[in-house]
């Protein structure tokens, strides 16, 4: 098993269960965003926000796979900001194999922007351009560990199955199972005894 797959597996195990499951569905099992949203019974926009939070935690976990469990999701941002960053992350993930840009449409005289429209576009670019670039760069940083997880999905799945078998075969788990079954049997016996001891219904 490669050190990279082991590192990613240990990073996944640091996450809260719901967050780990979301990343497993999307990047280990290979389900699409629409199918993941359907399984979580949420809209695709809500799934994108959940994926953004999961990716943020996973990026932290990958930096230190040996750290303690990460029990809390990141503090939610302003709804509009978070939605914008979630869309940027999905765009970054979709951009793993970038497509060539479409050729620009010819500008006819009727469609040519006016001087006021050009000034407004320039002002918007000056005001929001750096912010958009920063958002795209941050999304690319979050996407990078997720691409690695997807690339090592088969090995991560093998590690998960091996760990599950190890847990199920451990003496501690077997002991807990025996105690659980004994408690369940005792409860059934007690309920049966009480039923026979109760007076008949008339």
N, C-alpha and C. Protein backbone atom coordinates (compact mmCIF):
# COMPACT_ATOMS: atom_id res chain seq x y z
N UNK A 1 0.86 -1.19 0.00
CA UNK A 1 0.00 0.00 0.00
C UNK A 1 0.89 1.24 0.00
N UNK A 2 0.55 2.22 -0.83
CA UNK A 2 1.41 3.38 -0.97
C UNK A 2 1.31 4.29 0.26
N UNK A 3 2.39 4.99 0.60
CA UNK A 3 2.34 5.95 1.72
C UNK A 3 1.29 7.04 1.49
N UNK A 4 1.10 7.43 0.24
CA UNK A 4 0.11 8.46 -0.07
C UNK A 4 -1.30 7.99 0.30
N UNK A 5 -1.66 6.77 -0.09
CA UNK A 5 -2.99 6.24 0.23
C UNK A 5 -3.17 6.11 1.74
N UNK A 6 -2.13 5.68 2.43
CA UNK A 6 -2.20 5.53 3.88
C UNK A 6 -2.41 6.89 4.54
N UNK A 7 -1.71 7.90 4.04
CA UNK A 7 -1.84 9.25 4.60
C UNK A 7 -3.27 9.78 4.40
N UNK A 8 -3.82 9.58 3.21
CA UNK A 8 -5.17 10.04 2.92
C UNK A 8 -6.20 9.29 3.75
N UNK A 9 -5.99 7.99 3.93
CA UNK A 9 -6.91 7.19 4.75
C UNK A 9 -6.91 7.70 6.19
N UNK A 10 -5.72 7.94 6.74
CA UNK A 10 -5.63 8.41 8.13
C UNK A 10 -6.21 9.82 8.27
N UNK A 11 -6.06 10.63 7.23
CA UNK A 11 -6.68 11.97 7.26
C UNK A 11 -8.20 11.85 7.27
N UNK A 12 -8.75 10.94 6.48
CA UNK A 12 -10.20 10.73 6.48
C UNK A 12 -10.71 10.33 7.86
N UNK A 13 -9.95 9.49 8.56
CA UNK A 13 -10.39 8.99 9.86
C UNK A 13 -10.38 10.08 10.92
N UNK A 14 -9.73 11.22 10.65
CA UNK A 14 -9.76 12.33 11.61
C UNK A 14 -11.07 13.12 11.53
N UNK A 15 -11.85 12.91 10.47
CA UNK A 15 -13.02 13.75 10.22
C UNK A 15 -14.24 13.26 11.01
N UNK A 16 -15.21 14.14 11.25
CA UNK A 16 -16.48 13.69 11.81
C UNK A 16 -17.14 12.68 10.87
N UNK A 17 -17.90 11.71 11.40
CA UNK A 17 -18.44 10.63 10.55
C UNK A 17 -19.22 11.12 9.34
N UNK A 18 -20.06 12.12 9.52
CA UNK A 18 -20.88 12.62 8.38
C UNK A 18 -19.99 13.23 7.31
N UNK A 19 -18.96 13.95 7.74
CA UNK A 19 -18.04 14.57 6.79
C UNK A 19 -17.23 13.50 6.06
N UNK A 20 -16.75 12.52 6.80
CA UNK A 20 -16.00 11.43 6.18
C UNK A 20 -16.86 10.70 5.15
N UNK A 21 -18.11 10.44 5.52
CA UNK A 21 -19.00 9.72 4.60
C UNK A 21 -19.21 10.51 3.31
N UNK A 22 -19.37 11.83 3.43
CA UNK A 22 -19.59 12.66 2.24
C UNK A 22 -18.41 12.57 1.28
N UNK A 23 -17.20 12.65 1.81
CA UNK A 23 -16.01 12.58 0.95
C UNK A 23 -15.83 11.19 0.38
N UNK A 24 -16.17 10.16 1.16
CA UNK A 24 -16.07 8.79 0.63
C UNK A 24 -17.03 8.59 -0.53
N UNK A 25 -18.27 9.04 -0.37
CA UNK A 25 -19.25 8.88 -1.44
C UNK A 25 -18.78 9.57 -2.72
N UNK A 26 -18.27 10.78 -2.56
CA UNK A 26 -17.94 11.59 -3.74
C UNK A 26 -16.61 11.19 -4.38
N UNK A 27 -15.58 10.92 -3.57
CA UNK A 27 -14.24 10.76 -4.13
C UNK A 27 -13.66 9.35 -4.03
N UNK A 28 -14.23 8.51 -3.16
CA UNK A 28 -13.77 7.13 -3.07
C UNK A 28 -14.71 6.21 -3.85
N UNK A 29 -16.02 6.38 -3.61
CA UNK A 29 -17.00 5.58 -4.35
C UNK A 29 -17.28 6.15 -5.74
N UNK A 30 -16.92 7.42 -5.95
CA UNK A 30 -17.03 8.00 -7.29
C UNK A 30 -18.42 8.45 -7.69
N UNK A 31 -19.30 8.72 -6.73
CA UNK A 31 -20.64 9.21 -7.08
C UNK A 31 -20.57 10.66 -7.52
N UNK A 32 -21.48 11.05 -8.40
CA UNK A 32 -21.53 12.44 -8.85
C UNK A 32 -22.21 13.34 -7.83
N UNK A 33 -22.11 14.65 -8.05
CA UNK A 33 -22.71 15.60 -7.11
C UNK A 33 -24.22 15.42 -7.03
N UNK A 34 -24.88 15.18 -8.17
CA UNK A 34 -26.34 15.02 -8.16
C UNK A 34 -26.76 13.82 -7.32
N UNK A 35 -26.05 12.70 -7.48
CA UNK A 35 -26.39 11.50 -6.73
C UNK A 35 -26.11 11.69 -5.24
N UNK A 36 -25.00 12.37 -4.90
CA UNK A 36 -24.70 12.64 -3.49
C UNK A 36 -25.78 13.51 -2.87
N UNK A 37 -26.20 14.54 -3.60
CA UNK A 37 -27.26 15.42 -3.09
C UNK A 37 -28.55 14.63 -2.87
N UNK A 38 -28.86 13.72 -3.80
CA UNK A 38 -30.08 12.91 -3.66
C UNK A 38 -29.98 12.02 -2.42
N UNK A 39 -28.81 11.42 -2.18
CA UNK A 39 -28.66 10.55 -1.01
C UNK A 39 -28.77 11.32 0.30
N UNK A 40 -28.35 12.57 0.28
CA UNK A 40 -28.44 13.40 1.48
C UNK A 40 -29.78 14.13 1.58
N UNK A 41 -30.63 13.95 0.55
CA UNK A 41 -31.95 14.60 0.50
C UNK A 41 -31.84 16.12 0.61
N UNK A 42 -30.89 16.68 -0.14
CA UNK A 42 -30.70 18.12 -0.17
C UNK A 42 -30.58 18.57 -1.62
N UNK A 43 -30.66 19.88 -1.83
CA UNK A 43 -30.45 20.42 -3.17
C UNK A 43 -28.97 20.36 -3.52
N UNK A 44 -28.66 20.52 -4.80
CA UNK A 44 -27.25 20.50 -5.20
C UNK A 44 -26.49 21.69 -4.61
N UNK A 45 -27.17 22.83 -4.46
CA UNK A 45 -26.50 23.99 -3.84
C UNK A 45 -26.15 23.68 -2.38
N UNK A 46 -27.07 23.05 -1.66
CA UNK A 46 -26.79 22.69 -0.25
C UNK A 46 -25.68 21.65 -0.18
N UNK A 47 -25.69 20.70 -1.12
CA UNK A 47 -24.61 19.71 -1.15
C UNK A 47 -23.26 20.38 -1.41
N UNK A 48 -23.24 21.38 -2.30
CA UNK A 48 -21.99 22.09 -2.61
C UNK A 48 -21.42 22.76 -1.36
N UNK A 49 -22.31 23.33 -0.54
CA UNK A 49 -21.85 23.98 0.70
C UNK A 49 -21.31 22.92 1.67
N UNK A 50 -22.01 21.79 1.77
CA UNK A 50 -21.52 20.72 2.64
C UNK A 50 -20.17 20.21 2.16
N UNK A 51 -20.01 20.10 0.84
CA UNK A 51 -18.74 19.64 0.27
C UNK A 51 -17.62 20.64 0.56
N UNK A 52 -17.94 21.93 0.49
CA UNK A 52 -16.95 22.97 0.80
C UNK A 52 -16.46 22.81 2.25
N UNK A 53 -17.37 22.63 3.18
CA UNK A 53 -16.99 22.48 4.59
C UNK A 53 -16.17 21.20 4.80
N UNK A 54 -16.59 20.12 4.12
CA UNK A 54 -15.85 18.86 4.24
C UNK A 54 -14.45 19.01 3.66
N UNK A 55 -14.33 19.69 2.53
CA UNK A 55 -13.02 19.88 1.90
C UNK A 55 -12.11 20.73 2.78
N UNK A 56 -12.68 21.73 3.45
CA UNK A 56 -11.89 22.59 4.34
C UNK A 56 -11.32 21.78 5.49
N UNK A 57 -12.15 20.91 6.09
CA UNK A 57 -11.66 20.06 7.18
C UNK A 57 -10.64 19.04 6.68
N UNK A 58 -10.91 18.48 5.49
CA UNK A 58 -10.01 17.45 4.97
C UNK A 58 -8.63 18.04 4.67
N UNK A 59 -8.60 19.26 4.14
CA UNK A 59 -7.32 19.90 3.86
C UNK A 59 -6.51 20.06 5.15
N UNK A 60 -7.21 20.39 6.24
CA UNK A 60 -6.53 20.50 7.55
C UNK A 60 -6.05 19.13 8.02
N UNK A 61 -6.88 18.10 7.83
CA UNK A 61 -6.52 16.76 8.28
C UNK A 61 -5.34 16.20 7.51
N UNK A 62 -5.26 16.49 6.21
CA UNK A 62 -4.16 15.98 5.39
C UNK A 62 -2.83 16.57 5.83
N UNK A 63 -2.87 17.82 6.30
CA UNK A 63 -1.62 18.44 6.75
C UNK A 63 -1.03 17.72 7.95
N UNK A 64 -1.90 17.11 8.78
CA UNK A 64 -1.41 16.39 9.97
C UNK A 64 -2.30 15.16 10.20
N UNK A 65 -2.08 14.08 9.45
CA UNK A 65 -2.94 12.89 9.57
C UNK A 65 -2.89 12.24 10.95
N UNK A 66 -1.83 12.51 11.72
CA UNK A 66 -1.68 11.88 13.03
C UNK A 66 -2.33 12.69 14.14
N UNK A 67 -2.93 13.82 13.81
CA UNK A 67 -3.52 14.68 14.83
C UNK A 67 -4.77 14.08 15.44
N UNK A 68 -5.33 14.75 16.45
CA UNK A 68 -6.55 14.24 17.10
C UNK A 68 -7.75 14.37 16.16
N UNK A 69 -8.85 13.70 16.48
CA UNK A 69 -10.05 13.82 15.63
C UNK A 69 -10.52 15.26 15.53
N UNK A 70 -11.00 15.62 14.35
CA UNK A 70 -11.60 16.94 14.13
C UNK A 70 -13.09 16.78 14.35
N UNK A 71 -13.58 17.27 15.46
CA UNK A 71 -14.95 16.96 15.86
C UNK A 71 -15.96 17.97 15.33
N UNK A 72 -15.52 19.14 14.94
CA UNK A 72 -16.46 20.17 14.53
C UNK A 72 -16.18 20.61 13.10
N UNK A 73 -17.25 20.94 12.37
CA UNK A 73 -17.08 21.50 11.05
C UNK A 73 -16.69 22.97 11.19
N UNK A 74 -16.10 23.56 10.13
CA UNK A 74 -15.72 24.97 10.21
C UNK A 74 -16.92 25.85 10.51
N UNK A 75 -16.66 26.99 11.17
CA UNK A 75 -17.74 27.94 11.45
C UNK A 75 -18.31 28.44 10.14
N UNK A 76 -19.64 28.33 9.94
CA UNK A 76 -20.21 28.77 8.67
C UNK A 76 -19.93 30.24 8.39
N UNK A 77 -19.71 30.54 7.11
CA UNK A 77 -19.49 31.91 6.68
C UNK A 77 -20.83 32.57 6.39
N UNK A 78 -20.78 33.82 5.99
CA UNK A 78 -21.96 34.46 5.46
C UNK A 78 -22.51 33.60 4.32
N UNK A 79 -23.84 33.45 4.27
CA UNK A 79 -24.46 32.51 3.33
C UNK A 79 -24.04 32.77 1.89
N UNK A 80 -24.04 34.04 1.48
CA UNK A 80 -23.68 34.36 0.09
C UNK A 80 -22.21 34.06 -0.19
N UNK A 81 -21.35 34.40 0.77
CA UNK A 81 -19.92 34.13 0.60
C UNK A 81 -19.67 32.64 0.52
N UNK A 82 -20.32 31.87 1.41
CA UNK A 82 -20.12 30.43 1.43
C UNK A 82 -20.62 29.80 0.13
N UNK A 83 -21.77 30.26 -0.36
CA UNK A 83 -22.30 29.73 -1.61
C UNK A 83 -21.36 30.02 -2.77
N UNK A 84 -20.81 31.23 -2.78
CA UNK A 84 -19.86 31.62 -3.84
C UNK A 84 -18.61 30.74 -3.80
N UNK A 85 -18.09 30.50 -2.60
CA UNK A 85 -16.89 29.66 -2.47
C UNK A 85 -17.19 28.20 -2.81
N UNK A 86 -18.41 27.76 -2.48
CA UNK A 86 -18.79 26.38 -2.82
C UNK A 86 -18.84 26.20 -4.33
N UNK A 87 -19.39 27.17 -5.04
CA UNK A 87 -19.43 27.09 -6.50
C UNK A 87 -18.01 27.15 -7.08
N UNK A 88 -17.16 27.95 -6.47
CA UNK A 88 -15.77 28.04 -6.94
C UNK A 88 -15.05 26.69 -6.76
N UNK A 89 -15.34 26.00 -5.65
CA UNK A 89 -14.72 24.68 -5.44
C UNK A 89 -15.20 23.69 -6.48
N UNK A 90 -16.49 23.68 -6.76
CA UNK A 90 -17.01 22.76 -7.77
C UNK A 90 -16.40 23.06 -9.14
N UNK A 91 -16.23 24.35 -9.43
CA UNK A 91 -15.60 24.72 -10.70
C UNK A 91 -14.15 24.25 -10.74
N UNK A 92 -13.45 24.38 -9.61
CA UNK A 92 -12.05 23.92 -9.55
C UNK A 92 -11.97 22.41 -9.73
N UNK A 93 -12.90 21.68 -9.11
CA UNK A 93 -12.90 20.22 -9.25
C UNK A 93 -13.22 19.81 -10.69
N UNK A 94 -14.14 20.52 -11.30
CA UNK A 94 -14.48 20.23 -12.70
C UNK A 94 -13.35 20.61 -13.63
N UNK A 95 -12.48 21.51 -13.18
CA UNK A 95 -11.38 21.98 -14.02
C UNK A 95 -10.16 21.10 -13.98
N UNK A 96 -10.27 19.88 -13.42
CA UNK A 96 -9.11 18.98 -13.37
C UNK A 96 -8.60 18.69 -14.78
N UNK A 97 -9.52 18.59 -15.72
CA UNK A 97 -9.14 18.43 -17.12
C UNK A 97 -9.74 19.61 -17.88
N UNK A 98 -9.05 20.75 -17.88
CA UNK A 98 -9.66 21.96 -18.43
C UNK A 98 -9.97 21.83 -19.91
N UNK A 99 -11.09 22.44 -20.29
CA UNK A 99 -11.47 22.45 -21.69
C UNK A 99 -10.95 23.72 -22.35
N UNK A 100 -10.67 23.67 -23.66
CA UNK A 100 -10.23 24.89 -24.32
C UNK A 100 -11.35 25.91 -24.34
N UNK A 101 -11.04 27.18 -24.15
CA UNK A 101 -12.09 28.19 -24.13
C UNK A 101 -12.78 28.30 -25.48
N UNK A 102 -14.06 28.60 -25.44
CA UNK A 102 -14.80 28.78 -26.68
C UNK A 102 -14.35 30.07 -27.36
N UNK A 103 -14.33 30.11 -28.68
CA UNK A 103 -13.92 31.34 -29.35
C UNK A 103 -14.91 32.46 -29.06
N UNK A 104 -14.44 33.67 -28.89
CA UNK A 104 -15.35 34.77 -28.57
C UNK A 104 -16.31 35.05 -29.72
N UNK A 105 -17.53 35.39 -29.35
CA UNK A 105 -18.52 35.72 -30.37
C UNK A 105 -18.17 37.06 -31.00
N UNK A 106 -18.38 37.20 -32.30
CA UNK A 106 -18.09 38.49 -32.95
C UNK A 106 -18.99 39.58 -32.40
N UNK A 107 -18.44 40.75 -32.23
CA UNK A 107 -19.19 41.87 -31.70
C UNK A 107 -19.69 42.70 -32.87
N UNK A 108 -20.99 42.77 -33.00
CA UNK A 108 -21.58 43.59 -34.04
C UNK A 108 -21.68 45.02 -33.54
N UNK A 109 -21.81 45.96 -34.43
CA UNK A 109 -21.93 47.36 -33.98
C UNK A 109 -23.08 47.55 -33.00
N UNK A 110 -24.19 46.84 -33.22
CA UNK A 110 -25.34 47.00 -32.33
C UNK A 110 -25.05 46.46 -30.94
N UNK A 111 -24.17 45.39 -30.88
CA UNK A 111 -23.89 44.76 -29.59
C UNK A 111 -22.66 45.34 -28.91
N UNK A 112 -21.95 46.22 -29.56
CA UNK A 112 -20.73 46.79 -28.98
C UNK A 112 -21.06 47.55 -27.71
N UNK A 113 -20.26 47.39 -26.64
CA UNK A 113 -20.56 48.09 -25.39
C UNK A 113 -20.36 49.60 -25.54
N UNK A 114 -21.18 50.31 -24.83
CA UNK A 114 -21.04 51.76 -24.81
C UNK A 114 -19.87 52.14 -23.90
N UNK A 115 -19.50 53.39 -23.96
CA UNK A 115 -18.40 53.87 -23.10
C UNK A 115 -18.76 53.70 -21.63
N UNK A 116 -20.04 53.96 -21.28
CA UNK A 116 -20.46 53.81 -19.89
C UNK A 116 -20.37 52.35 -19.45
N UNK A 117 -20.78 51.42 -20.34
CA UNK A 117 -20.71 49.99 -20.00
C UNK A 117 -19.26 49.53 -19.86
N UNK A 118 -18.37 50.07 -20.74
CA UNK A 118 -16.96 49.71 -20.62
C UNK A 118 -16.38 50.22 -19.31
N UNK A 119 -16.75 51.45 -18.92
CA UNK A 119 -16.27 52.00 -17.65
C UNK A 119 -16.78 51.18 -16.47
N UNK A 120 -18.06 50.76 -16.54
CA UNK A 120 -18.63 49.97 -15.45
C UNK A 120 -17.93 48.62 -15.34
N UNK A 121 -17.64 47.99 -16.49
CA UNK A 121 -16.94 46.70 -16.48
C UNK A 121 -15.54 46.84 -15.92
N UNK A 122 -14.85 47.93 -16.29
CA UNK A 122 -13.50 48.16 -15.79
C UNK A 122 -13.51 48.37 -14.28
N UNK A 123 -14.51 49.13 -13.80
CA UNK A 123 -14.60 49.38 -12.36
C UNK A 123 -14.90 48.09 -11.61
N UNK A 124 -15.78 47.26 -12.19
CA UNK A 124 -16.11 45.98 -11.54
C UNK A 124 -14.88 45.08 -11.47
N UNK A 125 -14.11 45.04 -12.57
CA UNK A 125 -12.91 44.20 -12.58
C UNK A 125 -11.89 44.70 -11.57
N UNK A 126 -11.76 46.03 -11.47
CA UNK A 126 -10.80 46.59 -10.52
C UNK A 126 -11.21 46.31 -9.09
N UNK A 127 -12.55 46.34 -8.85
CA UNK A 127 -13.02 46.16 -7.47
C UNK A 127 -13.05 44.69 -7.06
N UNK A 128 -13.55 43.82 -7.97
CA UNK A 128 -13.79 42.43 -7.60
C UNK A 128 -12.79 41.45 -8.20
N UNK A 129 -11.97 41.91 -9.14
CA UNK A 129 -11.02 41.00 -9.78
C UNK A 129 -10.10 40.30 -8.80
N UNK A 130 -9.39 41.04 -7.93
CA UNK A 130 -8.50 40.38 -6.96
C UNK A 130 -9.25 39.43 -6.03
N UNK A 131 -10.49 39.80 -5.66
CA UNK A 131 -11.27 38.93 -4.77
C UNK A 131 -11.61 37.62 -5.48
N UNK A 132 -12.00 37.72 -6.76
CA UNK A 132 -12.32 36.50 -7.52
C UNK A 132 -11.09 35.63 -7.68
N UNK A 133 -9.95 36.25 -7.94
CA UNK A 133 -8.71 35.48 -8.10
C UNK A 133 -8.35 34.77 -6.80
N UNK A 134 -8.52 35.47 -5.67
CA UNK A 134 -8.21 34.86 -4.38
C UNK A 134 -9.15 33.68 -4.09
N UNK A 135 -10.43 33.86 -4.44
CA UNK A 135 -11.40 32.77 -4.23
C UNK A 135 -11.05 31.56 -5.09
N UNK A 136 -10.67 31.81 -6.35
CA UNK A 136 -10.30 30.70 -7.24
C UNK A 136 -9.04 29.99 -6.75
N UNK A 137 -8.08 30.77 -6.25
CA UNK A 137 -6.84 30.16 -5.74
C UNK A 137 -7.13 29.32 -4.50
N UNK A 138 -7.99 29.83 -3.61
CA UNK A 138 -8.34 29.07 -2.41
C UNK A 138 -9.08 27.79 -2.78
N UNK A 139 -9.97 27.87 -3.78
CA UNK A 139 -10.70 26.68 -4.22
C UNK A 139 -9.75 25.65 -4.81
N UNK A 140 -8.74 26.11 -5.57
CA UNK A 140 -7.77 25.17 -6.14
C UNK A 140 -6.98 24.47 -5.04
N UNK A 141 -6.65 25.20 -3.96
CA UNK A 141 -5.92 24.57 -2.85
C UNK A 141 -6.77 23.52 -2.15
N UNK A 142 -8.08 23.78 -2.02
CA UNK A 142 -8.97 22.79 -1.40
C UNK A 142 -9.19 21.59 -2.32
N UNK A 143 -9.19 21.83 -3.63
CA UNK A 143 -9.45 20.75 -4.58
C UNK A 143 -8.28 19.77 -4.68
N UNK A 144 -7.06 20.25 -4.44
CA UNK A 144 -5.88 19.42 -4.66
C UNK A 144 -5.88 18.14 -3.81
N UNK A 145 -6.16 18.20 -2.48
CA UNK A 145 -6.21 16.95 -1.71
C UNK A 145 -7.36 16.04 -2.15
N UNK A 146 -8.44 16.63 -2.65
CA UNK A 146 -9.57 15.82 -3.10
C UNK A 146 -9.22 15.08 -4.38
N UNK A 147 -8.47 15.71 -5.28
CA UNK A 147 -8.00 15.01 -6.48
C UNK A 147 -7.10 13.84 -6.08
N UNK A 148 -6.25 14.07 -5.08
CA UNK A 148 -5.36 12.99 -4.62
C UNK A 148 -6.17 11.84 -4.04
N UNK A 149 -7.22 12.18 -3.28
CA UNK A 149 -8.08 11.15 -2.71
C UNK A 149 -8.75 10.34 -3.82
N UNK A 150 -9.24 11.02 -4.83
CA UNK A 150 -9.88 10.34 -5.96
C UNK A 150 -8.89 9.45 -6.70
N UNK A 151 -7.66 9.94 -6.89
CA UNK A 151 -6.64 9.17 -7.61
C UNK A 151 -6.23 7.91 -6.83
N UNK A 152 -6.35 7.95 -5.50
CA UNK A 152 -5.95 6.81 -4.66
C UNK A 152 -7.17 6.06 -4.11
N UNK A 153 -8.33 6.23 -4.75
CA UNK A 153 -9.58 5.69 -4.21
C UNK A 153 -9.51 4.19 -3.99
N UNK A 154 -8.96 3.45 -4.94
CA UNK A 154 -8.95 1.99 -4.83
C UNK A 154 -8.16 1.54 -3.60
N UNK A 155 -6.99 2.15 -3.38
CA UNK A 155 -6.17 1.76 -2.23
C UNK A 155 -6.81 2.20 -0.91
N UNK A 156 -7.45 3.37 -0.91
CA UNK A 156 -8.12 3.83 0.30
C UNK A 156 -9.28 2.90 0.64
N UNK A 157 -9.99 2.41 -0.38
CA UNK A 157 -11.08 1.47 -0.16
C UNK A 157 -10.56 0.16 0.44
N UNK A 158 -9.43 -0.32 -0.06
CA UNK A 158 -8.83 -1.55 0.47
C UNK A 158 -8.44 -1.36 1.94
N UNK A 159 -7.84 -0.23 2.26
CA UNK A 159 -7.46 0.06 3.64
C UNK A 159 -8.68 0.11 4.55
N UNK A 160 -9.76 0.71 4.06
CA UNK A 160 -10.99 0.79 4.85
C UNK A 160 -11.55 -0.58 5.14
N UNK A 161 -11.61 -1.44 4.12
CA UNK A 161 -12.14 -2.79 4.31
C UNK A 161 -11.25 -3.61 5.25
N UNK A 162 -9.93 -3.45 5.13
CA UNK A 162 -9.01 -4.18 6.01
C UNK A 162 -9.19 -3.73 7.45
N UNK A 163 -9.36 -2.43 7.65
CA UNK A 163 -9.55 -1.90 9.01
C UNK A 163 -10.86 -2.40 9.60
N UNK A 164 -11.91 -2.47 8.77
CA UNK A 164 -13.20 -2.95 9.26
C UNK A 164 -13.10 -4.42 9.68
N UNK A 165 -12.43 -5.23 8.87
CA UNK A 165 -12.25 -6.64 9.24
C UNK A 165 -11.45 -6.76 10.53
N UNK A 166 -10.44 -5.93 10.68
CA UNK A 166 -9.61 -5.96 11.89
C UNK A 166 -10.45 -5.64 13.12
N UNK A 167 -11.33 -4.67 13.00
CA UNK A 167 -12.19 -4.29 14.13
C UNK A 167 -13.17 -5.42 14.46
N UNK A 168 -13.80 -5.98 13.41
CA UNK A 168 -14.80 -7.03 13.63
C UNK A 168 -14.19 -8.29 14.24
N UNK A 169 -12.92 -8.54 13.95
CA UNK A 169 -12.26 -9.76 14.46
C UNK A 169 -11.52 -9.52 15.76
N UNK A 170 -11.51 -8.30 16.28
CA UNK A 170 -10.76 -8.01 17.49
C UNK A 170 -11.45 -8.61 18.71
N UNK A 171 -10.69 -9.05 19.72
CA UNK A 171 -11.29 -9.60 20.95
C UNK A 171 -12.22 -8.61 21.64
N UNK A 172 -11.85 -7.33 21.61
CA UNK A 172 -12.69 -6.33 22.28
C UNK A 172 -14.06 -6.25 21.63
N UNK A 173 -14.08 -6.24 20.30
CA UNK A 173 -15.38 -6.18 19.60
C UNK A 173 -16.19 -7.44 19.87
N UNK A 174 -15.53 -8.61 19.84
CA UNK A 174 -16.24 -9.86 20.10
C UNK A 174 -16.82 -9.88 21.51
N UNK A 175 -16.06 -9.34 22.46
CA UNK A 175 -16.54 -9.29 23.84
C UNK A 175 -17.77 -8.37 23.96
N UNK A 176 -17.71 -7.22 23.31
CA UNK A 176 -18.85 -6.31 23.33
C UNK A 176 -20.08 -6.95 22.70
N UNK A 177 -19.88 -7.68 21.60
CA UNK A 177 -21.00 -8.34 20.94
C UNK A 177 -21.62 -9.41 21.84
N UNK A 178 -20.78 -10.17 22.54
CA UNK A 178 -21.31 -11.19 23.45
C UNK A 178 -22.12 -10.56 24.57
N UNK A 179 -21.62 -9.45 25.13
CA UNK A 179 -22.35 -8.75 26.19
C UNK A 179 -23.67 -8.19 25.66
N UNK A 180 -23.65 -7.65 24.45
CA UNK A 180 -24.87 -7.11 23.87
C UNK A 180 -25.92 -8.20 23.68
N UNK A 181 -25.48 -9.36 23.16
CA UNK A 181 -26.42 -10.46 22.95
C UNK A 181 -26.95 -11.01 24.28
N UNK A 182 -26.05 -11.07 25.30
CA UNK A 182 -26.50 -11.56 26.61
C UNK A 182 -27.54 -10.61 27.21
N UNK A 183 -27.30 -9.29 27.05
CA UNK A 183 -28.24 -8.31 27.58
C UNK A 183 -29.58 -8.40 26.85
N UNK A 184 -29.54 -8.61 25.54
CA UNK A 184 -30.77 -8.73 24.76
C UNK A 184 -31.54 -9.99 25.16
N UNK A 185 -30.83 -11.10 25.35
CA UNK A 185 -31.48 -12.34 25.78
C UNK A 185 -32.12 -12.18 27.16
N UNK A 186 -31.39 -11.52 28.08
CA UNK A 186 -31.93 -11.30 29.43
C UNK A 186 -33.18 -10.44 29.37
N UNK A 187 -33.20 -9.45 28.50
CA UNK A 187 -34.38 -8.58 28.37
C UNK A 187 -35.57 -9.38 27.83
N UNK A 188 -35.34 -10.27 26.87
CA UNK A 188 -36.43 -11.08 26.32
C UNK A 188 -36.98 -12.03 27.40
N UNK A 189 -36.07 -12.65 28.15
CA UNK A 189 -36.50 -13.57 29.22
C UNK A 189 -37.31 -12.82 30.27
N UNK A 190 -36.85 -11.63 30.67
CA UNK A 190 -37.57 -10.84 31.67
C UNK A 190 -38.95 -10.43 31.16
N UNK A 191 -39.03 -9.98 29.90
CA UNK A 191 -40.32 -9.58 29.34
C UNK A 191 -41.28 -10.76 29.29
N UNK A 192 -40.76 -11.94 28.91
CA UNK A 192 -41.61 -13.15 28.86
C UNK A 192 -42.11 -13.53 30.24
N UNK A 193 -41.23 -13.46 31.24
CA UNK A 193 -41.62 -13.81 32.63
C UNK A 193 -42.69 -12.85 33.15
N UNK A 194 -42.51 -11.55 32.88
CA UNK A 194 -43.49 -10.57 33.34
C UNK A 194 -44.83 -10.78 32.66
N UNK A 195 -44.77 -11.16 31.38
CA UNK A 195 -46.03 -11.38 30.65
C UNK A 195 -46.79 -12.56 31.26
N UNK A 196 -46.08 -13.65 31.60
CA UNK A 196 -46.74 -14.81 32.21
C UNK A 196 -47.20 -14.54 33.63
N UNK A 197 -46.51 -13.64 34.33
CA UNK A 197 -46.87 -13.33 35.72
C UNK A 197 -48.07 -12.38 35.80
N UNK A 198 -48.33 -11.63 34.75
CA UNK A 198 -49.44 -10.67 34.80
C UNK A 198 -50.76 -11.40 34.77
N UNK A 199 -51.78 -10.86 35.45
CA UNK A 199 -53.10 -11.54 35.47
C UNK A 199 -53.71 -11.57 34.07
N UNK A 200 -54.46 -12.59 33.76
CA UNK A 200 -55.08 -12.67 32.42
C UNK A 200 -56.05 -11.52 32.21
N UNK A 201 -56.10 -11.02 30.99
CA UNK A 201 -57.04 -9.95 30.67
C UNK A 201 -58.44 -10.54 30.51
N UNK A 202 -59.39 -9.86 31.11
CA UNK A 202 -60.78 -10.32 31.02
C UNK A 202 -61.59 -9.37 30.16
